[in-house]
């Protein structure tokens, strides 16, 4: 699958393009894909915003995933 990513002036990915043949394959595998609502509910956005703000205020809360995996292995 040949995927192209589109980004804005800040370098953030804003869209994805794929060949129509690949899109048709996806639609065959998942017939209702075009009717799925991929938007987040407002309450999810509020939780995510609160978590991001908590991290901005206290960046010590950020740790590499390897630390989490090491803790889980104990």
N, C-alpha and C. Protein backbone atom coordinates (compact mmCIF):
# COMPACT_ATOMS: atom_id res chain seq x y z
N UNK A 1 0.84 -1.17 0.00
CA UNK A 1 0.00 0.00 0.00
C UNK A 1 0.89 1.24 0.00
N UNK A 2 0.67 2.09 -0.93
CA UNK A 2 1.45 3.32 -1.06
C UNK A 2 0.67 4.47 -0.44
N UNK A 3 1.11 4.91 0.72
CA UNK A 3 0.40 5.96 1.45
C UNK A 3 1.21 7.25 1.40
N UNK A 4 0.52 8.36 1.21
CA UNK A 4 1.15 9.68 1.24
C UNK A 4 0.53 10.47 2.38
N UNK A 5 1.37 11.18 3.12
CA UNK A 5 0.91 12.00 4.23
C UNK A 5 0.99 13.47 3.84
N UNK A 6 -0.04 14.22 4.16
CA UNK A 6 -0.06 15.65 3.92
C UNK A 6 0.11 16.36 5.25
N UNK A 7 0.91 17.40 5.27
CA UNK A 7 1.14 18.12 6.52
C UNK A 7 0.89 19.61 6.32
N UNK A 8 0.64 20.30 7.43
CA UNK A 8 0.43 21.73 7.38
C UNK A 8 1.75 22.47 7.53
N UNK A 9 1.67 23.79 7.67
CA UNK A 9 2.88 24.61 7.76
C UNK A 9 3.73 24.30 8.99
N UNK A 10 3.08 23.77 10.04
CA UNK A 10 3.81 23.42 11.27
C UNK A 10 4.39 22.01 11.21
N UNK A 11 4.15 21.32 10.11
CA UNK A 11 4.67 19.97 9.96
C UNK A 11 3.77 18.89 10.54
N UNK A 12 2.59 19.27 11.03
CA UNK A 12 1.66 18.29 11.58
C UNK A 12 0.93 17.60 10.44
N UNK A 13 0.81 16.29 10.55
CA UNK A 13 0.09 15.53 9.53
C UNK A 13 -1.40 15.85 9.65
N UNK A 14 -1.99 16.26 8.53
CA UNK A 14 -3.39 16.66 8.52
C UNK A 14 -4.26 15.76 7.65
N UNK A 15 -3.65 14.96 6.80
CA UNK A 15 -4.43 14.09 5.92
C UNK A 15 -3.56 12.95 5.42
N UNK A 16 -4.22 11.92 4.95
CA UNK A 16 -3.54 10.76 4.39
C UNK A 16 -4.18 10.46 3.04
N UNK A 17 -3.35 10.16 2.06
CA UNK A 17 -3.85 9.77 0.75
C UNK A 17 -3.37 8.36 0.44
N UNK A 18 -4.26 7.58 -0.17
CA UNK A 18 -3.87 6.26 -0.62
C UNK A 18 -4.50 6.02 -1.99
N UNK A 19 -3.91 5.14 -2.76
CA UNK A 19 -4.45 4.86 -4.09
C UNK A 19 -5.89 4.35 -4.01
N UNK A 20 -6.70 4.70 -5.00
CA UNK A 20 -8.10 4.30 -5.02
C UNK A 20 -8.25 2.79 -4.99
N UNK A 21 -7.32 2.06 -5.60
CA UNK A 21 -7.38 0.60 -5.57
C UNK A 21 -7.30 0.08 -4.14
N UNK A 22 -6.43 0.69 -3.33
CA UNK A 22 -6.31 0.28 -1.94
C UNK A 22 -7.57 0.64 -1.15
N UNK A 23 -8.14 1.81 -1.44
CA UNK A 23 -9.38 2.22 -0.78
C UNK A 23 -10.51 1.23 -1.11
N UNK A 24 -10.58 0.81 -2.35
CA UNK A 24 -11.60 -0.16 -2.76
C UNK A 24 -11.42 -1.49 -2.02
N UNK A 25 -10.17 -1.92 -1.82
CA UNK A 25 -9.91 -3.15 -1.06
C UNK A 25 -10.38 -3.00 0.38
N UNK A 26 -10.11 -1.84 0.97
CA UNK A 26 -10.54 -1.57 2.36
C UNK A 26 -12.06 -1.62 2.44
N UNK A 27 -12.73 -0.98 1.47
CA UNK A 27 -14.20 -0.98 1.47
C UNK A 27 -14.76 -2.38 1.29
N UNK A 28 -14.08 -3.23 0.54
CA UNK A 28 -14.53 -4.62 0.39
C UNK A 28 -14.39 -5.39 1.69
N UNK A 29 -13.30 -5.14 2.41
CA UNK A 29 -13.08 -5.82 3.69
C UNK A 29 -14.01 -5.28 4.78
N UNK A 30 -14.27 -3.98 4.76
CA UNK A 30 -15.07 -3.31 5.79
C UNK A 30 -16.16 -2.49 5.09
N UNK A 31 -17.26 -3.12 4.70
CA UNK A 31 -18.29 -2.46 3.88
C UNK A 31 -18.88 -1.19 4.51
N UNK A 32 -18.91 -1.09 5.82
CA UNK A 32 -19.51 0.09 6.46
C UNK A 32 -18.49 1.17 6.82
N UNK A 33 -17.29 1.07 6.29
CA UNK A 33 -16.22 2.01 6.67
C UNK A 33 -16.59 3.47 6.38
N UNK A 34 -17.36 3.70 5.35
CA UNK A 34 -17.71 5.08 5.01
C UNK A 34 -18.78 5.66 5.92
N UNK A 35 -19.47 4.81 6.66
CA UNK A 35 -20.52 5.32 7.55
C UNK A 35 -20.06 5.43 9.00
N UNK A 36 -18.82 5.08 9.28
CA UNK A 36 -18.30 5.13 10.65
C UNK A 36 -18.00 6.58 11.02
N UNK A 37 -18.44 6.98 12.20
CA UNK A 37 -18.15 8.32 12.71
C UNK A 37 -16.86 8.25 13.51
N UNK A 38 -15.79 8.80 12.95
CA UNK A 38 -14.48 8.72 13.59
C UNK A 38 -14.21 9.89 14.54
N UNK A 39 -15.17 10.76 14.73
CA UNK A 39 -14.95 11.91 15.61
C UNK A 39 -15.02 11.48 17.07
N UNK A 40 -14.26 12.18 17.89
CA UNK A 40 -14.26 11.91 19.32
C UNK A 40 -15.42 12.64 19.98
N UNK A 41 -16.07 12.00 20.95
CA UNK A 41 -17.09 12.71 21.71
C UNK A 41 -16.44 13.87 22.48
N UNK A 42 -17.20 14.90 22.75
CA UNK A 42 -16.67 16.08 23.43
C UNK A 42 -16.08 15.73 24.79
N UNK A 43 -16.69 14.79 25.52
CA UNK A 43 -16.16 14.45 26.84
C UNK A 43 -14.80 13.77 26.73
N UNK A 44 -14.53 13.04 25.64
CA UNK A 44 -13.20 12.46 25.43
C UNK A 44 -12.18 13.58 25.22
N UNK A 45 -12.56 14.56 24.42
CA UNK A 45 -11.66 15.68 24.14
C UNK A 45 -11.33 16.43 25.42
N UNK A 46 -12.32 16.61 26.29
CA UNK A 46 -12.08 17.31 27.55
C UNK A 46 -11.09 16.54 28.42
N UNK A 47 -11.23 15.23 28.48
CA UNK A 47 -10.30 14.41 29.27
C UNK A 47 -8.89 14.51 28.69
N UNK A 48 -8.78 14.40 27.38
CA UNK A 48 -7.46 14.49 26.74
C UNK A 48 -6.83 15.86 26.97
N UNK A 49 -7.63 16.92 26.84
CA UNK A 49 -7.11 18.27 27.08
C UNK A 49 -6.61 18.42 28.51
N UNK A 50 -7.35 17.88 29.47
CA UNK A 50 -6.94 17.96 30.88
C UNK A 50 -5.64 17.20 31.10
N UNK A 51 -5.49 16.05 30.48
CA UNK A 51 -4.26 15.27 30.64
C UNK A 51 -3.07 15.98 30.02
N UNK A 52 -3.27 16.58 28.85
CA UNK A 52 -2.18 17.32 28.21
C UNK A 52 -1.78 18.50 29.09
N UNK A 53 -2.74 19.21 29.63
CA UNK A 53 -2.42 20.36 30.50
C UNK A 53 -1.66 19.91 31.75
N UNK A 54 -2.03 18.76 32.31
CA UNK A 54 -1.32 18.23 33.47
C UNK A 54 0.13 17.93 33.13
N UNK A 55 0.37 17.40 31.94
CA UNK A 55 1.73 17.10 31.51
C UNK A 55 2.51 18.38 31.26
N UNK A 56 1.85 19.37 30.68
CA UNK A 56 2.52 20.66 30.43
C UNK A 56 2.95 21.28 31.75
N UNK A 57 2.10 21.19 32.78
CA UNK A 57 2.41 21.77 34.09
C UNK A 57 3.51 20.99 34.81
N UNK A 58 3.56 19.68 34.60
CA UNK A 58 4.52 18.83 35.29
C UNK A 58 5.05 17.78 34.33
N UNK A 59 6.11 18.14 33.61
CA UNK A 59 6.66 17.24 32.59
C UNK A 59 7.35 16.01 33.19
N UNK A 60 7.51 15.97 34.50
CA UNK A 60 8.11 14.78 35.12
C UNK A 60 7.16 13.58 35.00
N UNK A 61 5.91 13.84 34.62
CA UNK A 61 4.95 12.75 34.45
C UNK A 61 5.20 11.97 33.16
N UNK A 62 6.07 12.49 32.32
CA UNK A 62 6.37 11.82 31.06
C UNK A 62 7.54 10.87 31.29
N UNK A 63 7.38 9.64 30.85
CA UNK A 63 8.45 8.64 30.99
C UNK A 63 8.46 7.79 29.73
N UNK A 64 9.61 7.27 29.38
CA UNK A 64 9.68 6.38 28.21
C UNK A 64 8.83 5.12 28.43
N UNK A 65 8.27 4.61 27.37
CA UNK A 65 7.45 3.41 27.46
C UNK A 65 8.25 2.22 28.00
N UNK A 66 9.56 2.24 27.78
CA UNK A 66 10.39 1.14 28.29
C UNK A 66 10.34 1.06 29.81
N UNK A 67 10.19 2.21 30.48
CA UNK A 67 10.08 2.19 31.95
C UNK A 67 8.79 1.51 32.38
N UNK A 68 7.72 1.79 31.68
CA UNK A 68 6.44 1.14 31.99
C UNK A 68 6.54 -0.36 31.77
N UNK A 69 7.12 -0.74 30.65
CA UNK A 69 7.24 -2.17 30.35
C UNK A 69 8.12 -2.88 31.37
N UNK A 70 9.18 -2.22 31.83
CA UNK A 70 10.03 -2.80 32.87
C UNK A 70 9.26 -2.99 34.16
N UNK A 71 8.43 -2.02 34.51
CA UNK A 71 7.62 -2.14 35.73
C UNK A 71 6.63 -3.29 35.61
N UNK A 72 6.05 -3.44 34.45
CA UNK A 72 5.07 -4.51 34.25
C UNK A 72 5.72 -5.89 34.29
N UNK A 73 7.00 -5.95 33.92
CA UNK A 73 7.72 -7.24 33.94
C UNK A 73 8.08 -7.68 35.35
N UNK A 74 8.06 -6.76 36.31
CA UNK A 74 8.45 -7.12 37.69
C UNK A 74 7.45 -8.01 38.36
